[in-house]
Amino acid sequence: MNSLIGQFDISDDRIKQIVAETINGADDGELFLEYSESEALMFDNGRLKTANFNTDQGFGLRAVAGEASGYAHSSDLSEASLLRAAEAVSTVKSGYSGTLAAAPARTNRHLYGDDNPIPSPSFEAKAKLLQEIDAWLRAEDPRVRQVTASLAASWQHVEIVRADGQMVRDIRPLVRINVSVVVGDGDRQESGSHGM
């Protein structure tokens, strides 16, 4: 996915025009677009217990006029939806005349790649990894009574369009694995967990 703004059914220039007209006369505001994917697998007591996959997309349009804020959002990336949001947000400026705040200085550094961690490795490979963790822990010590291993991955793509047409984006990949083990000897039982 190259650009979220490109997912709308109208041109980038038309979107920037709507944002500029909506925020004109306000102190601040922006169009915030987001697309995200998430996947979670949990292996518990020797079997794959849960597996989920989810996608979300949408936008939020905001204008700040003095102490008041107007905000509208939708999951429909269409001109009609953006115009409805602009109409709702514009009411916050009624009778107000502000000066648009300057964009903050860009200080962020590129800390990670844009690759989406969800498609690769495959679902089967992820489930096998969790099964191997379970088998390895049980083989290490016969006192292992329960193993829960989970893998969660997400990929979030965010774009912001300011009234002056400035566009910024961020892609946020995240992968986390957690393992919890219960070990017992007679009536005594201990548990431990670790995630990274």
C-alpha atoms as a PDB file:
ATOM      1  CA  MET A   1       0.000   0.000   0.000  1.00  0.00           C
ATOM      2  CA  ASN A   2       1.705   3.162  -1.185  1.00  0.00           C
ATOM      3  CA  SER A   3      -0.578   5.912   0.051  1.00  0.00           C
ATOM      4  CA  LEU A   4      -3.723   5.957   2.137  1.00  0.00           C
ATOM      5  CA  ILE A   5      -4.858   9.208   0.615  1.00  0.00           C
ATOM      6  CA  GLY A   6      -4.813   7.339  -2.712  1.00  0.00           C
ATOM      7  CA  GLN A   7      -7.495   4.957  -1.379  1.00  0.00           C
ATOM      8  CA  PHE A   8     -10.137   7.712  -1.613  1.00  0.00           C
ATOM      9  CA  ASP A   9     -12.273   7.833  -4.755  1.00  0.00           C
ATOM     10  CA  ILE A  10     -11.041  11.396  -5.500  1.00  0.00           C
ATOM     11  CA  SER A  11      -7.730  13.046  -6.317  1.00  0.00           C
ATOM     12  CA  ASP A  12      -5.108  14.032  -3.752  1.00  0.00           C
ATOM     13  CA  ASP A  13      -5.549  17.671  -4.788  1.00  0.00           C
ATOM     14  CA  ARG A  14      -9.317  17.534  -4.153  1.00  0.00           C
ATOM     15  CA  ILE A  15      -8.728  16.023  -0.702  1.00  0.00           C
ATOM     16  CA  LYS A  16      -6.211  18.744   0.146  1.00  0.00           C
ATOM     17  CA  GLN A  17      -8.724  21.368  -1.050  1.00  0.00           C
ATOM     18  CA  ILE A  18     -11.498  19.987   1.187  1.00  0.00           C
ATOM     19  CA  VAL A  19      -9.137  19.850   4.187  1.00  0.00           C
ATOM     20  CA  ALA A  20      -7.912  23.415   3.560  1.00  0.00           C
ATOM     21  CA  GLU A  21     -11.467  24.777   3.218  1.00  0.00           C
ATOM     22  CA  THR A  22     -12.624  22.927   6.339  1.00  0.00           C
ATOM     23  CA  ILE A  23      -9.782  24.145   8.541  1.00  0.00           C
ATOM     24  CA  ASN A  24      -9.512  27.672   7.089  1.00  0.00           C
ATOM     25  CA  GLY A  25     -10.317  30.150   9.883  1.00  0.00           C
ATOM     26  CA  ALA A  26      -9.531  27.634  12.633  1.00  0.00           C
ATOM     27  CA  ASP A  27      -6.427  27.525  14.823  1.00  0.00           C
ATOM     28  CA  ASP A  28      -5.447  23.975  13.933  1.00  0.00           C
ATOM     29  CA  GLY A  29      -6.717  20.768  12.407  1.00  0.00           C
ATOM     30  CA  GLU A  30      -5.915  17.894  10.109  1.00  0.00           C
ATOM     31  CA  LEU A  31      -7.144  14.872   8.226  1.00  0.00           C
ATOM     32  CA  PHE A  32      -5.915  11.667   9.872  1.00  0.00           C
ATOM     33  CA  LEU A  33      -6.056   8.439   7.842  1.00  0.00           C
ATOM     34  CA  GLU A  34      -5.344   4.971   9.175  1.00  0.00           C
ATOM     35  CA  TYR A  35      -5.181   1.427   7.843  1.00  0.00           C
ATOM     36  CA  SER A  36      -4.248  -1.419  10.169  1.00  0.00           C
ATOM     37  CA  GLU A  37      -3.951  -5.188  10.157  1.00  0.00           C
ATOM     38  CA  SER A  38      -3.548  -7.419  13.188  1.00  0.00           C
ATOM     39  CA  GLU A  39      -3.103 -11.132  13.740  1.00  0.00           C
ATOM     40  CA  ALA A  40      -2.960 -13.157  16.953  1.00  0.00           C
ATOM     41  CA  LEU A  41      -2.365 -16.861  17.568  1.00  0.00           C
ATOM     42  CA  MET A  42      -2.423 -18.678  20.917  1.00  0.00           C
ATOM     43  CA  PHE A  43      -1.164 -22.209  21.491  1.00  0.00           C
ATOM     44  CA  ASP A  44      -2.341 -23.609  24.828  1.00  0.00           C
ATOM     45  CA  ASN A  45      -2.003 -27.068  26.353  1.00  0.00           C
ATOM     46  CA  GLY A  46      -0.711 -28.686  23.190  1.00  0.00           C
ATOM     47  CA  ARG A  47      -3.111 -27.213  20.651  1.00  0.00           C
ATOM     48  CA  LEU A  48      -3.835 -24.040  18.720  1.00  0.00           C
ATOM     49  CA  LYS A  49      -6.627 -22.538  20.792  1.00  0.00           C
ATOM     50  CA  THR A  50      -7.317 -19.205  19.064  1.00  0.00           C
ATOM     51  CA  ALA A  51      -6.373 -17.449  15.853  1.00  0.00           C
ATOM     52  CA  ASN A  52      -7.628 -14.025  14.793  1.00  0.00           C
ATOM     53  CA  PHE A  53      -7.031 -11.673  11.882  1.00  0.00           C
ATOM     54  CA  ASN A  54      -8.488  -8.177  11.569  1.00  0.00           C
ATOM     55  CA  THR A  55      -8.258  -5.181   9.238  1.00  0.00           C
ATOM     56  CA  ASP A  56      -9.500  -1.656   9.866  1.00  0.00           C
ATOM     57  CA  GLN A  57      -9.406   1.550   7.871  1.00  0.00           C
ATOM     58  CA  GLY A  58     -10.840   5.007   8.180  1.00  0.00           C
ATOM     59  CA  PHE A  59     -10.256   8.692   8.624  1.00  0.00           C
ATOM     60  CA  GLY A  60     -10.814  11.432  11.153  1.00  0.00           C
ATOM     61  CA  LEU A  61     -11.144  15.133  10.324  1.00  0.00           C
ATOM     62  CA  ARG A  62     -10.545  17.684  13.070  1.00  0.00           C
ATOM     63  CA  ALA A  63     -10.652  21.468  13.447  1.00  0.00           C
ATOM     64  CA  VAL A  64      -9.721  23.420  16.585  1.00  0.00           C
ATOM     65  CA  ALA A  65     -11.172  26.913  17.075  1.00  0.00           C
ATOM     66  CA  GLY A  66     -10.198  28.497  20.371  1.00  0.00           C
ATOM     67  CA  GLU A  67     -11.370  26.197  23.152  1.00  0.00           C
ATOM     68  CA  ALA A  68     -13.688  24.205  20.876  1.00  0.00           C
ATOM     69  CA  SER A  69     -12.879  21.186  18.718  1.00  0.00           C
ATOM     70  CA  GLY A  70     -14.893  19.655  15.939  1.00  0.00           C
ATOM     71  CA  TYR A  71     -14.266  16.046  14.967  1.00  0.00           C
ATOM     72  CA  ALA A  72     -15.873  13.606  12.545  1.00  0.00           C
ATOM     73  CA  HIS A  73     -14.766  10.172  11.380  1.00  0.00           C
ATOM     74  CA  SER A  74     -15.747   7.411   8.994  1.00  0.00           C
ATOM     75  CA  SER A  75     -14.528   4.083   7.656  1.00  0.00           C
ATOM     76  CA  ASP A  76     -15.836   5.030   4.198  1.00  0.00           C
ATOM     77  CA  LEU A  77     -13.014   6.568   2.137  1.00  0.00           C
ATOM     78  CA  SER A  78     -15.215   8.462  -0.328  1.00  0.00           C
ATOM     79  CA  GLU A  79     -15.673  12.100  -1.325  1.00  0.00           C
ATOM     80  CA  ALA A  80     -19.259  12.062  -0.038  1.00  0.00           C
ATOM     81  CA  SER A  81     -18.134  10.826   3.375  1.00  0.00           C
ATOM     82  CA  LEU A  82     -15.297  13.363   3.562  1.00  0.00           C
ATOM     83  CA  LEU A  83     -17.701  16.194   2.616  1.00  0.00           C
ATOM     84  CA  ARG A  84     -20.176  15.109   5.338  1.00  0.00           C
ATOM     85  CA  ALA A  85     -17.320  15.106   7.847  1.00  0.00           C
ATOM     86  CA  ALA A  86     -16.148  18.530   6.636  1.00  0.00           C
ATOM     87  CA  GLU A  87     -19.652  19.953   7.069  1.00  0.00           C
ATOM     88  CA  ALA A  88     -19.883  18.616  10.625  1.00  0.00           C
ATOM     89  CA  VAL A  89     -16.389  19.799  11.585  1.00  0.00           C
ATOM     90  CA  SER A  90     -16.871  23.269  10.073  1.00  0.00           C
ATOM     91  CA  THR A  91     -19.614  24.110  12.569  1.00  0.00           C
ATOM     92  CA  VAL A  92     -16.949  24.563  15.265  1.00  0.00           C
ATOM     93  CA  LYS A  93     -15.705  27.649  13.390  1.00  0.00           C
ATOM     94  CA  SER A  94     -19.073  29.415  13.339  1.00  0.00           C
ATOM     95  CA  GLY A  95     -18.327  33.102  13.989  1.00  0.00           C
ATOM     96  CA  TYR A  96     -14.690  32.344  14.820  1.00  0.00           C
ATOM     97  CA  SER A  97     -11.684  33.714  12.983  1.00  0.00           C
ATOM     98  CA  GLY A  98      -8.375  32.207  14.008  1.00  0.00           C
ATOM     99  CA  THR A  99      -4.919  31.877  12.564  1.00  0.00           C
ATOM    100  CA  LEU A 100      -3.751  28.438  11.560  1.00  0.00           C
ATOM    101  CA  ALA A 101      -0.927  27.173  13.753  1.00  0.00           C
ATOM    102  CA  ALA A 102       2.343  26.380  12.006  1.00  0.00           C
ATOM    103  CA  ALA A 103       3.168  22.730  11.494  1.00  0.00           C
ATOM    104  CA  PRO A 104       5.468  21.293  14.145  1.00  0.00           C
ATOM    105  CA  ALA A 105       9.099  20.791  13.170  1.00  0.00           C
ATOM    106  CA  ARG A 106       9.905  17.343  11.844  1.00  0.00           C
ATOM    107  CA  THR A 107      12.097  15.653  14.429  1.00  0.00           C
ATOM    108  CA  ASN A 108      11.216  11.995  13.962  1.00  0.00           C
ATOM    109  CA  ARG A 109      13.796   9.501  12.780  1.00  0.00           C
ATOM    110  CA  HIS A 110      13.152   6.422  10.676  1.00  0.00           C
ATOM    111  CA  LEU A 111      13.640   3.627  13.228  1.00  0.00           C
ATOM    112  CA  TYR A 112      12.214   0.579  11.435  1.00  0.00           C
ATOM    113  CA  GLY A 113      11.249  -0.617   7.969  1.00  0.00           C
ATOM    114  CA  ASP A 114       7.862  -0.407   6.306  1.00  0.00           C
ATOM    115  CA  ASP A 115       7.479  -4.165   5.787  1.00  0.00           C
ATOM    116  CA  ASN A 116       4.258  -5.720   7.024  1.00  0.00           C
ATOM    117  CA  PRO A 117       5.181  -8.619   9.375  1.00  0.00           C
ATOM    118  CA  ILE A 118       1.835 -10.408   9.007  1.00  0.00           C
ATOM    119  CA  PRO A 119       2.005 -12.080   5.543  1.00  0.00           C
ATOM    120  CA  SER A 120       5.412 -13.669   6.076  1.00  0.00           C
ATOM    121  CA  PRO A 121       6.082 -16.122   7.566  1.00  0.00           C
ATOM    122  CA  SER A 122       2.884 -17.997   6.735  1.00  0.00           C
ATOM    123  CA  PHE A 123       0.118 -18.752   9.217  1.00  0.00           C
ATOM    124  CA  GLU A 124       1.196 -22.396   9.187  1.00  0.00           C
ATOM    125  CA  ALA A 125       4.811 -21.469  10.025  1.00  0.00           C
ATOM    126  CA  LYS A 126       3.668 -19.287  12.941  1.00  0.00           C
ATOM    127  CA  ALA A 127       1.448 -22.050  14.337  1.00  0.00           C
ATOM    128  CA  LYS A 128       4.331 -24.533  13.953  1.00  0.00           C
ATOM    129  CA  LEU A 129       6.684 -22.198  15.858  1.00  0.00           C
ATOM    130  CA  LEU A 130       4.247 -22.044  18.786  1.00  0.00           C
ATOM    131  CA  GLN A 131       3.876 -25.840  18.698  1.00  0.00           C
ATOM    132  CA  GLU A 132       7.686 -26.231  18.717  1.00  0.00           C
ATOM    133  CA  ILE A 133       7.970 -23.916  21.744  1.00  0.00           C
ATOM    134  CA  ASP A 134       5.400 -26.058  23.567  1.00  0.00           C
ATOM    135  CA  ALA A 135       7.157 -29.322  22.636  1.00  0.00           C
ATOM    136  CA  TRP A 136      10.629 -28.007  23.536  1.00  0.00           C
ATOM    137  CA  LEU A 137       9.556 -26.809  26.981  1.00  0.00           C
ATOM    138  CA  ARG A 138       7.792 -30.094  27.764  1.00  0.00           C
ATOM    139  CA  ALA A 139      10.857 -32.082  26.605  1.00  0.00           C
ATOM    140  CA  GLU A 140      13.154 -30.004  28.846  1.00  0.00           C
ATOM    141  CA  ASP A 141      11.455 -30.991  32.089  1.00  0.00           C
ATOM    142  CA  PRO A 142       8.749 -33.585  32.834  1.00  0.00           C
ATOM    143  CA  ARG A 143       7.406 -31.310  35.590  1.00  0.00           C
ATOM    144  CA  VAL A 144       5.996 -28.877  32.979  1.00  0.00           C
ATOM    145  CA  ARG A 145       2.224 -28.967  33.434  1.00  0.00           C
ATOM    146  CA  GLN A 146       1.046 -26.199  31.154  1.00  0.00           C
ATOM    147  CA  VAL A 147       2.522 -24.133  28.323  1.00  0.00           C
ATOM    148  CA  THR A 148       0.831 -21.147  26.729  1.00  0.00           C
ATOM    149  CA  ALA A 149       2.600 -19.498  23.807  1.00  0.00           C
ATOM    150  CA  SER A 150       1.164 -16.602  21.837  1.00  0.00           C
ATOM    151  CA  LEU A 151       2.246 -14.575  18.852  1.00  0.00           C
ATOM    152  CA  ALA A 152       0.749 -11.181  18.002  1.00  0.00           C
ATOM    153  CA  ALA A 153       1.605  -9.033  14.998  1.00  0.00           C
ATOM    154  CA  SER A 154       0.236  -5.707  13.827  1.00  0.00           C
ATOM    155  CA  TRP A 155       0.919  -3.258  11.031  1.00  0.00           C
ATOM    156  CA  GLN A 156      -0.452   0.277  11.182  1.00  0.00           C
ATOM    157  CA  HIS A 157      -0.149   2.833   8.373  1.00  0.00           C
ATOM    158  CA  VAL A 158      -1.004   6.427   9.318  1.00  0.00           C
ATOM    159  CA  GLU A 159      -1.096   9.545   7.141  1.00  0.00           C
ATOM    160  CA  ILE A 160      -1.859  13.116   8.197  1.00  0.00           C
ATOM    161  CA  VAL A 161      -2.836  15.933   5.831  1.00  0.00           C
ATOM    162  CA  ARG A 162      -2.634  19.466   7.230  1.00  0.00           C
ATOM    163  CA  ALA A 163      -4.544  22.507   5.953  1.00  0.00           C
ATOM    164  CA  ASP A 164      -1.398  23.812   4.237  1.00  0.00           C
ATOM    165  CA  GLY A 165      -1.204  20.585   2.202  1.00  0.00           C
ATOM    166  CA  GLN A 166       1.721  19.168   4.159  1.00  0.00           C
ATOM    167  CA  MET A 167       1.513  15.379   4.367  1.00  0.00           C
ATOM    168  CA  VAL A 168       3.313  13.113   6.811  1.00  0.00           C
ATOM    169  CA  ARG A 169       3.089   9.373   7.286  1.00  0.00           C
ATOM    170  CA  ASP A 170       4.213   6.699   9.675  1.00  0.00           C
ATOM    171  CA  ILE A 171       4.212   2.935   9.402  1.00  0.00           C
ATOM    172  CA  ARG A 172       4.257   1.016  12.666  1.00  0.00           C
ATOM    173  CA  PRO A 173       5.077  -2.710  12.501  1.00  0.00           C
ATOM    174  CA  LEU A 174       5.002  -4.707  15.726  1.00  0.00           C
ATOM    175  CA  VAL A 175       5.550  -8.369  16.570  1.00  0.00           C
ATOM    176  CA  ARG A 176       5.381  -9.821  20.070  1.00  0.00           C
ATOM    177  CA  ILE A 177       5.758 -13.356  21.367  1.00  0.00           C
ATOM    178  CA  ASN A 178       4.787 -14.408  24.900  1.00  0.00           C
ATOM    179  CA  VAL A 179       5.420 -17.699  26.664  1.00  0.00           C
ATOM    180  CA  SER A 180       3.946 -18.764  30.001  1.00  0.00           C
ATOM    181  CA  VAL A 181       4.892 -22.016  31.756  1.00  0.00           C
ATOM    182  CA  VAL A 182       3.455 -23.763  34.804  1.00  0.00           C
ATOM    183  CA  VAL A 183       5.759 -26.307  36.461  1.00  0.00           C
ATOM    184  CA  GLY A 184       4.707 -28.592  39.278  1.00  0.00           C
ATOM    185  CA  ASP A 185       6.192 -31.149  41.633  1.00  0.00           C
ATOM    186  CA  GLY A 186       3.641 -32.880  43.814  1.00  0.00           C
ATOM    187  CA  ASP A 187       1.403 -30.239  45.403  1.00  0.00           C
ATOM    188  CA  ARG A 188       3.865 -27.428  44.725  1.00  0.00           C
ATOM    189  CA  GLN A 189       3.388 -25.390  41.573  1.00  0.00           C
ATOM    190  CA  GLU A 190       5.302 -22.418  40.101  1.00  0.00           C
ATOM    191  CA  SER A 191       4.681 -20.306  37.029  1.00  0.00           C
ATOM    192  CA  GLY A 192       6.740 -17.952  34.934  1.00  0.00           C
ATOM    193  CA  SER A 193       6.324 -15.959  31.772  1.00  0.00           C
ATOM    194  CA  HIS A 194       8.348 -13.886  29.372  1.00  0.00           C
ATOM    195  CA  GLY A 195       7.551 -11.808  26.339  1.00  0.00           C
ATOM    196  CA  MET A 196       9.494  -9.955  23.720  1.00  0.00           C
END
